Amino acid sequence: VTVVPCDATAEEILAGRPDGVMLSNGPGDPAENVEIIAEIAKLLRSGVPVFGICLGHQIISHALGAKTFKLKFGHRGANHPVKDLKTGKISITSQNHGFAVDPDTVPDNVEITLINLNDNTVEGIAHRTLPVFSVQYHPEAAPGPRDPQYLFRDFRKMIAASKRQHAR
């Protein structure tokens, strides 16, 4: 694992030849991170698998063309039900954020994959052709004993598929 600062450029990240990139959580209004969003857009176009969490999810959403908005009260706590729109599975999640992705701005090449059952806000997205997905909540916090572990398995599978594709 190589940790890079939030202001690392796409070129600097790609120079390390990562198998995949995880964009972590952090504070603040995601829309204010204009330079970071531009670098992440370059990174996404590179084809390297990317998985974003919380602020990482919001930055990816902006880099793909969506917008975010400030929630009236924010999502805080370890008991937010989130529904996977493909499987119907509901996970209990840990959340700590004040912004959400505006579903009306999500472009056609991006799929909304998860929703918050308390207020129907976007909890996850995936690009339809690039190896990119993200979640609004904190799967690393594991409020449900094993609820979000499939996300990390999916990311490992995405990395393995990318390696096979680039080996050809």
Protein backbone atom coordinates (compact mmCIF):
# COMPACT_ATOMS: atom_id res chain seq x y z
CA VAL A 1 0.00 0.00 0.00
CA THR A 2 1.31 3.42 -0.96
CA VAL A 3 -0.30 6.48 0.61
CA VAL A 4 -0.17 9.70 -1.38
CA PRO A 5 -1.31 13.17 -0.31
CA CYS A 6 -4.62 14.55 -1.55
CA ASP A 7 -2.81 17.00 -3.83
CA ALA A 8 -0.89 14.29 -5.73
CA THR A 9 -1.36 14.60 -9.47
CA ALA A 10 -2.74 11.81 -11.63
CA GLU A 11 0.69 11.56 -13.25
CA GLU A 12 2.40 11.13 -9.87
CA ILE A 13 -0.08 8.45 -8.84
CA LEU A 14 0.18 6.60 -12.15
CA ALA A 15 3.99 6.76 -12.03
CA GLY A 16 3.77 4.38 -9.08
CA ARG A 17 2.03 1.84 -11.36
CA PRO A 18 -0.79 1.11 -8.89
CA ASP A 19 -2.93 -1.98 -9.29
CA GLY A 20 -5.84 0.09 -7.97
CA VAL A 21 -6.51 3.38 -6.25
CA MET A 22 -8.62 3.92 -3.15
CA LEU A 23 -9.93 7.45 -2.57
CA SER A 24 -10.59 7.89 1.11
CA ASN A 25 -12.88 10.01 3.21
CA GLY A 26 -12.19 13.54 4.38
CA PRO A 27 -13.84 16.79 5.45
CA GLY A 28 -15.47 19.66 3.65
CA ASP A 29 -17.46 20.63 0.62
CA PRO A 30 -16.43 18.35 -2.24
CA ALA A 31 -17.18 21.00 -4.89
CA GLU A 32 -14.43 23.21 -3.47
CA ASN A 33 -11.76 20.67 -4.46
CA VAL A 34 -11.57 21.83 -8.08
CA GLU A 35 -7.91 20.89 -8.67
CA ILE A 36 -8.34 17.48 -7.04
CA ILE A 37 -11.47 16.79 -9.09
CA ALA A 38 -9.55 17.59 -12.29
CA GLU A 39 -6.72 15.22 -11.33
CA ILE A 40 -9.15 12.46 -10.38
CA ALA A 41 -10.91 12.85 -13.75
CA LYS A 42 -7.53 12.17 -15.43
CA LEU A 43 -6.96 9.20 -13.14
CA LEU A 44 -10.38 7.74 -13.95
CA ARG A 45 -9.69 7.98 -17.69
CA SER A 46 -6.43 6.04 -17.22
CA GLY A 47 -8.30 2.76 -16.72
CA VAL A 48 -6.75 1.99 -13.33
CA PRO A 49 -9.44 0.57 -11.01
CA VAL A 50 -10.67 3.19 -8.54
CA PHE A 51 -12.81 2.75 -5.42
CA GLY A 52 -13.97 5.83 -3.49
CA ILE A 53 -15.32 6.14 0.04
CA CYS A 54 -17.30 9.12 1.41
CA LEU A 55 -15.49 12.26 0.20
CA GLY A 56 -13.75 10.00 -2.34
CA HIS A 57 -17.23 9.04 -3.60
CA GLN A 58 -18.22 12.69 -3.90
CA ILE A 59 -14.97 13.63 -5.69
CA ILE A 60 -15.42 10.74 -8.15
CA SER A 61 -19.01 11.85 -8.73
CA HIS A 62 -17.84 15.38 -9.56
CA ALA A 63 -15.03 14.03 -11.78
CA LEU A 64 -17.64 12.05 -13.74
CA GLY A 65 -19.90 15.09 -14.17
CA ALA A 66 -22.35 14.88 -11.27
CA LYS A 67 -22.93 17.55 -8.62
CA THR A 68 -23.33 17.45 -4.86
CA PHE A 69 -25.55 19.35 -2.44
CA LYS A 70 -25.47 20.08 1.28
CA LEU A 71 -27.79 17.91 3.34
CA LYS A 72 -30.06 19.75 5.79
CA PHE A 73 -28.87 17.68 8.76
CA GLY A 74 -26.21 15.38 7.36
CA HIS A 75 -25.92 11.66 7.90
CA ARG A 76 -24.29 10.71 11.19
CA GLY A 77 -24.22 7.40 13.00
CA ALA A 78 -23.74 3.68 12.64
CA ASN A 79 -27.23 2.56 11.74
CA HIS A 80 -28.13 3.87 8.27
CA PRO A 81 -29.86 1.31 6.05
CA VAL A 82 -28.55 1.26 2.48
CA LYS A 83 -30.10 -0.76 -0.33
CA ASP A 84 -28.14 -2.32 -3.19
CA LEU A 85 -30.32 -1.66 -6.25
CA LYS A 86 -29.02 -4.74 -8.14
CA THR A 87 -29.41 -7.36 -5.43
CA GLY A 88 -32.01 -5.78 -3.16
CA LYS A 89 -29.70 -6.51 -0.22
CA ILE A 90 -29.82 -4.02 2.65
CA SER A 91 -26.69 -3.19 4.62
CA ILE A 92 -26.49 -1.32 7.90
CA THR A 93 -23.85 1.35 7.41
CA SER A 94 -21.78 3.88 9.31
CA GLN A 95 -22.01 7.44 8.00
CA ASN A 96 -20.53 10.84 8.78
CA HIS A 97 -21.05 13.37 5.99
CA GLY A 98 -22.89 16.58 5.25
CA PHE A 99 -23.07 16.41 1.43
CA ALA A 100 -24.70 14.03 -1.02
CA VAL A 101 -24.66 13.40 -4.76
CA ASP A 102 -27.55 14.97 -6.66
CA PRO A 103 -29.20 12.06 -8.52
CA ASP A 104 -30.58 14.39 -11.19
CA THR A 105 -27.02 15.28 -12.26
CA VAL A 106 -25.61 11.75 -12.53
CA PRO A 107 -24.65 11.26 -16.20
CA ASP A 108 -25.99 8.39 -18.31
CA ASN A 109 -22.65 6.56 -18.30
CA VAL A 110 -22.82 6.31 -14.49
CA GLU A 111 -25.20 4.00 -12.64
CA ILE A 112 -26.63 4.72 -9.20
CA THR A 113 -26.01 1.44 -7.38
CA LEU A 114 -27.00 2.14 -3.76
CA ILE A 115 -29.56 4.33 -2.02
CA ASN A 116 -30.13 5.40 1.57
CA LEU A 117 -33.46 3.99 2.75
CA ASN A 118 -33.99 6.83 5.21
CA ASP A 119 -34.09 9.60 2.60
CA ASN A 120 -33.39 7.97 -0.81
CA THR A 121 -30.09 9.82 -1.28
CA VAL A 122 -27.39 8.35 -3.50
CA GLU A 123 -25.12 5.99 -1.54
CA GLY A 124 -23.18 4.43 -4.39
CA ILE A 125 -22.32 4.79 -8.05
CA ALA A 126 -20.46 2.78 -10.68
CA HIS A 127 -19.23 3.83 -14.10
CA ARG A 128 -20.82 1.68 -16.79
CA THR A 129 -17.58 1.06 -18.75
CA LEU A 130 -14.63 2.22 -16.61
CA PRO A 131 -13.43 0.25 -13.56
CA VAL A 132 -14.71 2.87 -11.12
CA PHE A 133 -17.17 2.66 -8.24
CA SER A 134 -17.76 4.43 -4.96
CA VAL A 135 -19.88 4.50 -1.83
CA GLN A 136 -21.01 7.38 0.37
CA TYR A 137 -20.76 5.49 3.64
CA HIS A 138 -17.81 3.97 5.52
CA PRO A 139 -17.53 0.26 4.69
CA GLU A 140 -14.27 0.08 6.63
CA ALA A 141 -16.21 0.91 9.82
CA ALA A 142 -18.23 -2.34 9.53
CA PRO A 143 -21.27 -1.41 11.65
CA GLY A 144 -23.06 -4.51 10.36
CA PRO A 145 -20.73 -7.42 11.22
CA ARG A 146 -19.82 -8.16 7.60
CA ASP A 147 -22.34 -6.17 5.59
CA PRO A 148 -19.97 -4.10 3.43
CA GLN A 149 -17.12 -6.60 2.97
CA TYR A 150 -18.37 -7.46 -0.51
CA LEU A 151 -17.23 -4.01 -1.66
CA PHE A 152 -13.61 -4.84 -0.92
CA ARG A 153 -13.97 -8.23 -2.65
CA ASP A 154 -15.48 -6.45 -5.67
CA PHE A 155 -12.56 -4.03 -5.76
CA ARG A 156 -10.04 -6.89 -5.62
CA LYS A 157 -11.91 -8.63 -8.47
CA MET A 158 -11.87 -5.39 -10.48
CA ILE A 159 -8.10 -5.13 -9.98
CA ALA A 160 -7.58 -8.77 -11.00
CA ALA A 161 -9.69 -8.28 -14.14
CA SER A 162 -7.72 -5.15 -15.01
CA LYS A 163 -4.41 -7.02 -14.60
CA ARG A 164 -5.65 -9.83 -16.88
CA GLN A 165 -6.81 -7.32 -19.50
CA HIS A 166 -3.49 -5.44 -19.47
CA ALA A 167 -1.50 -8.69 -19.62
CA ARG A 168 -2.92 -9.43 -23.07
